């Protein structure tokens, strides 16, 4: 990988970060879409289910291993 490829990749990452910042600023200025709340709640429930599943899996593995 050349230096040009590396610098353009970093530039691309920076450009994507700036675009995301502008997108978030637009959302904050325009208000949130009505679908945002169900999406956030679904993501939260999914994340909690994953965390509980991992904790349960580890607990059961330790219980039956020992």
C-alpha atoms as a PDB file:
ATOM      1  CA  UNK A   1       0.000   0.000   0.000  1.00  0.00           C
ATOM      2  CA  UNK A   2       1.457   3.293  -1.021  1.00  0.00           C
ATOM      3  CA  UNK A   3       1.499   6.486   0.983  1.00  0.00           C
ATOM      4  CA  UNK A   4      -1.028   7.968  -1.454  1.00  0.00           C
ATOM      5  CA  UNK A   5      -3.470   5.124  -0.739  1.00  0.00           C
ATOM      6  CA  UNK A   6      -3.030   5.546   3.002  1.00  0.00           C
ATOM      7  CA  UNK A   7      -3.491   9.315   2.938  1.00  0.00           C
ATOM      8  CA  UNK A   8      -6.552   9.070   0.693  1.00  0.00           C
ATOM      9  CA  UNK A   9      -8.036   6.438   3.011  1.00  0.00           C
ATOM     10  CA  UNK A  10      -7.505   8.717   6.025  1.00  0.00           C
ATOM     11  CA  UNK A  11      -8.946  11.611   4.061  1.00  0.00           C
ATOM     12  CA  UNK A  12     -11.934   9.471   3.173  1.00  0.00           C
ATOM     13  CA  UNK A  13     -12.446   8.590   6.851  1.00  0.00           C
ATOM     14  CA  UNK A  14     -12.240  12.269   7.765  1.00  0.00           C
ATOM     15  CA  UNK A  15     -14.673  13.175   4.997  1.00  0.00           C
ATOM     16  CA  UNK A  16     -17.108  10.495   6.175  1.00  0.00           C
ATOM     17  CA  UNK A  17     -16.835  11.752   9.759  1.00  0.00           C
ATOM     18  CA  UNK A  18     -17.543  15.309   8.629  1.00  0.00           C
ATOM     19  CA  UNK A  19     -20.499  14.150   6.530  1.00  0.00           C
ATOM     20  CA  UNK A  20     -21.889  12.229   9.507  1.00  0.00           C
ATOM     21  CA  UNK A  21     -21.455  15.301  11.718  1.00  0.00           C
ATOM     22  CA  UNK A  22     -23.384  17.388   9.194  1.00  0.00           C
ATOM     23  CA  UNK A  23     -26.065  14.710   8.954  1.00  0.00           C
ATOM     24  CA  UNK A  24     -26.468  14.647  12.741  1.00  0.00           C
ATOM     25  CA  UNK A  25     -26.616  18.444  12.814  1.00  0.00           C
ATOM     26  CA  UNK A  26     -29.362  18.366  10.159  1.00  0.00           C
ATOM     27  CA  UNK A  27     -31.333  15.845  12.206  1.00  0.00           C
ATOM     28  CA  UNK A  28     -30.972  17.957  15.351  1.00  0.00           C
ATOM     29  CA  UNK A  29     -32.030  21.100  13.498  1.00  0.00           C
ATOM     30  CA  UNK A  30     -34.964  19.540  11.609  1.00  0.00           C
ATOM     31  CA  UNK A  31     -36.209  17.409  14.462  1.00  0.00           C
ATOM     32  CA  UNK A  32     -36.361  13.679  14.749  1.00  0.00           C
ATOM     33  CA  UNK A  33     -38.448  11.512  12.458  1.00  0.00           C
ATOM     34  CA  UNK A  34     -41.391   9.703  14.062  1.00  0.00           C
ATOM     35  CA  UNK A  35     -39.758   6.344  13.278  1.00  0.00           C
ATOM     36  CA  UNK A  36     -36.681   7.205  15.334  1.00  0.00           C
ATOM     37  CA  UNK A  37     -38.189   6.210  18.690  1.00  0.00           C
ATOM     38  CA  UNK A  38     -39.167   2.645  17.685  1.00  0.00           C
ATOM     39  CA  UNK A  39     -35.784   2.149  16.051  1.00  0.00           C
ATOM     40  CA  UNK A  40     -33.955   3.318  19.172  1.00  0.00           C
ATOM     41  CA  UNK A  41     -36.163   1.190  21.428  1.00  0.00           C
ATOM     42  CA  UNK A  42     -35.682  -1.868  19.206  1.00  0.00           C
ATOM     43  CA  UNK A  43     -31.908  -1.354  19.188  1.00  0.00           C
ATOM     44  CA  UNK A  44     -31.910  -0.991  22.984  1.00  0.00           C
ATOM     45  CA  UNK A  45     -33.956  -4.152  23.467  1.00  0.00           C
ATOM     46  CA  UNK A  46     -31.726  -6.041  21.041  1.00  0.00           C
ATOM     47  CA  UNK A  47     -28.574  -4.828  22.805  1.00  0.00           C
ATOM     48  CA  UNK A  48     -29.959  -5.841  26.199  1.00  0.00           C
ATOM     49  CA  UNK A  49     -30.967  -9.259  24.845  1.00  0.00           C
ATOM     50  CA  UNK A  50     -27.447  -9.769  23.511  1.00  0.00           C
ATOM     51  CA  UNK A  51     -25.876  -8.707  26.813  1.00  0.00           C
ATOM     52  CA  UNK A  52     -28.179 -10.962  28.831  1.00  0.00           C
ATOM     53  CA  UNK A  53     -27.586 -13.830  26.400  1.00  0.00           C
ATOM     54  CA  UNK A  54     -23.825 -13.503  26.692  1.00  0.00           C
ATOM     55  CA  UNK A  55     -24.010 -13.271  30.481  1.00  0.00           C
ATOM     56  CA  UNK A  56     -26.282 -16.315  30.636  1.00  0.00           C
ATOM     57  CA  UNK A  57     -24.032 -18.260  28.289  1.00  0.00           C
ATOM     58  CA  UNK A  58     -20.934 -17.457  30.318  1.00  0.00           C
ATOM     59  CA  UNK A  59     -22.716 -18.291  33.572  1.00  0.00           C
ATOM     60  CA  UNK A  60     -23.922 -21.640  32.274  1.00  0.00           C
ATOM     61  CA  UNK A  61     -20.517 -22.450  30.803  1.00  0.00           C
ATOM     62  CA  UNK A  62     -18.809 -21.717  34.127  1.00  0.00           C
ATOM     63  CA  UNK A  63     -21.485 -23.619  36.081  1.00  0.00           C
ATOM     64  CA  UNK A  64     -21.220 -26.784  33.996  1.00  0.00           C
ATOM     65  CA  UNK A  65     -17.462 -26.577  33.477  1.00  0.00           C
ATOM     66  CA  UNK A  66     -16.623 -26.390  37.184  1.00  0.00           C
END
